[in-house]
Structures are given as C-alpha cells and as structure tokens.
C-alpha cells in the first residue's frame, strides 16, 4: 500500500493568502443552470457543502471540491458535470495572492 506524501502543505491559505475564487467560479460555471435570482442561495449552499466536506477526516482538496459540487447539484436538481468540479479545482493555482501575503 502506498502512502500519500504531499508535495506542499498550506494552512489557512484560501481567503487569507489568496483571493478565494470558489464563489466566482461557481457563478460562472452554473450561470446556464441557475437563475440569477437564485444564485446567491446556490453559492451559499456551495460554501456550506465545502465546509461540511472538511469537517470530517482529511481528504485531498480535489475530493472536497468534487464532493461539494456533486452534492450541490443533487440538492439543486441540476446536472452534475465532472468537468465543472475539475475546472474549479484546476483554477486554484491561478488565484491571485493578496498583496500583503509574504512570498514563500
């Protein structure tokens, strides 16, 4: 059995060191499936599912994102697309650092 060995570990990175873009990504990817007047409630549910996913045992972020998106789609009765979860996860390295964040 292979043991997971992370290449990097971050603490309190998203929203503290970088501009956290989960909401804007969700807004962009689901604009064709969620009415604009429902979008804020949809994004609030997305945020709640992400929090719920990290309260249990540790899991890789790509699983947190995927599980959150899948649960969100189920709740809102919209089509789950694996590509949506991948787009969100793959966008993370492009998020902008908050100007006052120290460089590694």
C-alpha atoms as a PDB file:
ATOM      1  CA  UNK A   1       0.000   0.000   0.000  1.00  0.00           C
ATOM      2  CA  UNK A   2       1.461   3.360  -0.995  1.00  0.00           C
ATOM      3  CA  UNK A   3       1.464   6.203   1.477  1.00  0.00           C
ATOM      4  CA  UNK A   4       0.280   9.671   0.468  1.00  0.00           C
ATOM      5  CA  UNK A   5       3.139  12.168   0.647  1.00  0.00           C
ATOM      6  CA  UNK A   6       2.053  15.716  -0.145  1.00  0.00           C
ATOM      7  CA  UNK A   7       4.401  17.920  -2.103  1.00  0.00           C
ATOM      8  CA  UNK A   8       3.140  21.058  -0.329  1.00  0.00           C
ATOM      9  CA  UNK A   9       1.079  21.770   2.767  1.00  0.00           C
ATOM     10  CA  UNK A  10      -0.695  25.077   3.340  1.00  0.00           C
ATOM     11  CA  UNK A  11      -2.579  26.435   6.323  1.00  0.00           C
ATOM     12  CA  UNK A  12      -5.365  28.989   6.084  1.00  0.00           C
ATOM     13  CA  UNK A  13      -4.320  29.772   2.540  1.00  0.00           C
ATOM     14  CA  UNK A  14      -7.646  30.395   0.807  1.00  0.00           C
ATOM     15  CA  UNK A  15      -9.084  33.790   1.590  1.00  0.00           C
ATOM     16  CA  UNK A  16      -6.118  34.738   3.759  1.00  0.00           C
ATOM     17  CA  UNK A  17      -3.185  34.461   1.375  1.00  0.00           C
ATOM     18  CA  UNK A  18      -5.100  34.296  -1.901  1.00  0.00           C
ATOM     19  CA  UNK A  19      -8.313  35.759  -3.253  1.00  0.00           C
ATOM     20  CA  UNK A  20     -10.644  32.794  -2.803  1.00  0.00           C
ATOM     21  CA  UNK A  21     -12.440  32.288  -6.109  1.00  0.00           C
ATOM     22  CA  UNK A  22     -14.807  29.362  -5.413  1.00  0.00           C
ATOM     23  CA  UNK A  23     -17.881  31.606  -5.484  1.00  0.00           C
ATOM     24  CA  UNK A  24     -16.969  33.396  -8.715  1.00  0.00           C
ATOM     25  CA  UNK A  25     -16.110  30.059 -10.340  1.00  0.00           C
ATOM     26  CA  UNK A  26     -19.440  28.591  -9.259  1.00  0.00           C
ATOM     27  CA  UNK A  27     -21.265  31.656 -10.541  1.00  0.00           C
ATOM     28  CA  UNK A  28     -19.518  31.366 -13.913  1.00  0.00           C
ATOM     29  CA  UNK A  29     -19.931  27.602 -14.360  1.00  0.00           C
ATOM     30  CA  UNK A  30     -23.561  27.409 -13.276  1.00  0.00           C
ATOM     31  CA  UNK A  31     -24.901  30.601 -14.872  1.00  0.00           C
ATOM     32  CA  UNK A  32     -26.608  28.481 -17.529  1.00  0.00           C
ATOM     33  CA  UNK A  33     -28.372  26.242 -14.973  1.00  0.00           C
ATOM     34  CA  UNK A  34     -29.203  28.514 -12.031  1.00  0.00           C
ATOM     35  CA  UNK A  35     -31.439  31.559 -12.351  1.00  0.00           C
ATOM     36  CA  UNK A  36     -29.719  34.817 -11.430  1.00  0.00           C
ATOM     37  CA  UNK A  37     -32.214  35.487  -8.611  1.00  0.00           C
ATOM     38  CA  UNK A  38     -31.295  32.117  -7.055  1.00  0.00           C
ATOM     39  CA  UNK A  39     -27.534  32.367  -7.489  1.00  0.00           C
ATOM     40  CA  UNK A  40     -26.701  33.790  -4.041  1.00  0.00           C
ATOM     41  CA  UNK A  41     -28.595  30.962  -2.293  1.00  0.00           C
ATOM     42  CA  UNK A  42     -26.917  28.443  -4.601  1.00  0.00           C
ATOM     43  CA  UNK A  43     -23.459  29.812  -3.766  1.00  0.00           C
ATOM     44  CA  UNK A  44     -24.276  29.836  -0.035  1.00  0.00           C
ATOM     45  CA  UNK A  45     -25.114  26.127  -0.305  1.00  0.00           C
ATOM     46  CA  UNK A  46     -21.869  25.532  -2.199  1.00  0.00           C
ATOM     47  CA  UNK A  47     -19.934  27.183   0.615  1.00  0.00           C
ATOM     48  CA  UNK A  48     -21.784  25.139   3.242  1.00  0.00           C
ATOM     49  CA  UNK A  49     -21.061  21.870   1.451  1.00  0.00           C
ATOM     50  CA  UNK A  50     -17.358  22.720   1.176  1.00  0.00           C
ATOM     51  CA  UNK A  51     -17.227  23.403   4.905  1.00  0.00           C
ATOM     52  CA  UNK A  52     -19.075  20.176   5.645  1.00  0.00           C
ATOM     53  CA  UNK A  53     -16.597  18.236   3.486  1.00  0.00           C
ATOM     54  CA  UNK A  54     -13.588  19.431   5.510  1.00  0.00           C
ATOM     55  CA  UNK A  55     -15.088  18.832   8.956  1.00  0.00           C
ATOM     56  CA  UNK A  56     -14.552  15.079   8.807  1.00  0.00           C
ATOM     57  CA  UNK A  57     -11.435  13.059   8.123  1.00  0.00           C
ATOM     58  CA  UNK A  58      -8.788  14.692   5.964  1.00  0.00           C
ATOM     59  CA  UNK A  59      -9.195  14.297   2.224  1.00  0.00           C
ATOM     60  CA  UNK A  60      -7.416  15.851  -0.749  1.00  0.00           C
ATOM     61  CA  UNK A  61      -8.813  19.187  -1.896  1.00  0.00           C
ATOM     62  CA  UNK A  62      -9.823  17.784  -5.275  1.00  0.00           C
ATOM     63  CA  UNK A  63     -12.172  15.397  -3.425  1.00  0.00           C
ATOM     64  CA  UNK A  64     -13.544  18.222  -1.275  1.00  0.00           C
ATOM     65  CA  UNK A  65     -14.326  20.257  -4.384  1.00  0.00           C
ATOM     66  CA  UNK A  66     -15.774  17.326  -6.338  1.00  0.00           C
ATOM     67  CA  UNK A  67     -17.935  16.081  -3.469  1.00  0.00           C
ATOM     68  CA  UNK A  68     -19.193  19.601  -2.756  1.00  0.00           C
ATOM     69  CA  UNK A  69     -20.143  20.219  -6.372  1.00  0.00           C
ATOM     70  CA  UNK A  70     -21.834  16.834  -6.684  1.00  0.00           C
ATOM     71  CA  UNK A  71     -23.880  17.356  -3.505  1.00  0.00           C
ATOM     72  CA  UNK A  72     -24.773  20.884  -4.586  1.00  0.00           C
ATOM     73  CA  UNK A  73     -26.033  19.697  -7.945  1.00  0.00           C
ATOM     74  CA  UNK A  74     -28.084  16.956  -6.305  1.00  0.00           C
ATOM     75  CA  UNK A  75     -29.703  19.434  -3.896  1.00  0.00           C
ATOM     76  CA  UNK A  76     -30.495  21.923  -6.645  1.00  0.00           C
ATOM     77  CA  UNK A  77     -31.592  19.227  -9.145  1.00  0.00           C
ATOM     78  CA  UNK A  78     -29.102  20.315 -11.786  1.00  0.00           C
ATOM     79  CA  UNK A  79     -26.867  18.119 -13.881  1.00  0.00           C
ATOM     80  CA  UNK A  80     -23.569  17.270 -12.204  1.00  0.00           C
ATOM     81  CA  UNK A  81     -20.689  17.570 -14.634  1.00  0.00           C
ATOM     82  CA  UNK A  82     -17.354  16.154 -13.558  1.00  0.00           C
ATOM     83  CA  UNK A  83     -15.750  18.809 -15.758  1.00  0.00           C
ATOM     84  CA  UNK A  84     -17.216  21.579 -13.576  1.00  0.00           C
ATOM     85  CA  UNK A  85     -15.526  20.227 -10.446  1.00  0.00           C
ATOM     86  CA  UNK A  86     -12.274  19.802 -12.390  1.00  0.00           C
ATOM     87  CA  UNK A  87     -12.434  23.367 -13.723  1.00  0.00           C
ATOM     88  CA  UNK A  88     -12.879  24.739 -10.233  1.00  0.00           C
ATOM     89  CA  UNK A  89     -10.066  22.647  -8.788  1.00  0.00           C
ATOM     90  CA  UNK A  90      -7.702  23.334 -11.700  1.00  0.00           C
ATOM     91  CA  UNK A  91      -8.297  27.081 -11.398  1.00  0.00           C
ATOM     92  CA  UNK A  92      -6.862  27.228  -7.870  1.00  0.00           C
ATOM     93  CA  UNK A  93      -3.208  27.745  -8.928  1.00  0.00           C
ATOM     94  CA  UNK A  94      -4.311  30.801 -10.932  1.00  0.00           C
ATOM     95  CA  UNK A  95      -5.882  32.610  -7.974  1.00  0.00           C
ATOM     96  CA  UNK A  96      -4.197  35.896  -7.178  1.00  0.00           C
ATOM     97  CA  UNK A  97      -2.214  36.391  -3.977  1.00  0.00           C
ATOM     98  CA  UNK A  98      -3.487  39.042  -1.609  1.00  0.00           C
ATOM     99  CA  UNK A  99      -0.939  41.890  -1.934  1.00  0.00           C
ATOM    100  CA  UNK A 100       0.164  41.761   1.721  1.00  0.00           C
ATOM    101  CA  UNK A 101       0.859  37.998   1.587  1.00  0.00           C
ATOM    102  CA  UNK A 102       4.521  37.123   2.089  1.00  0.00           C
ATOM    103  CA  UNK A 103       6.227  35.221  -0.710  1.00  0.00           C
ATOM    104  CA  UNK A 104       7.329  31.665   0.004  1.00  0.00           C
END
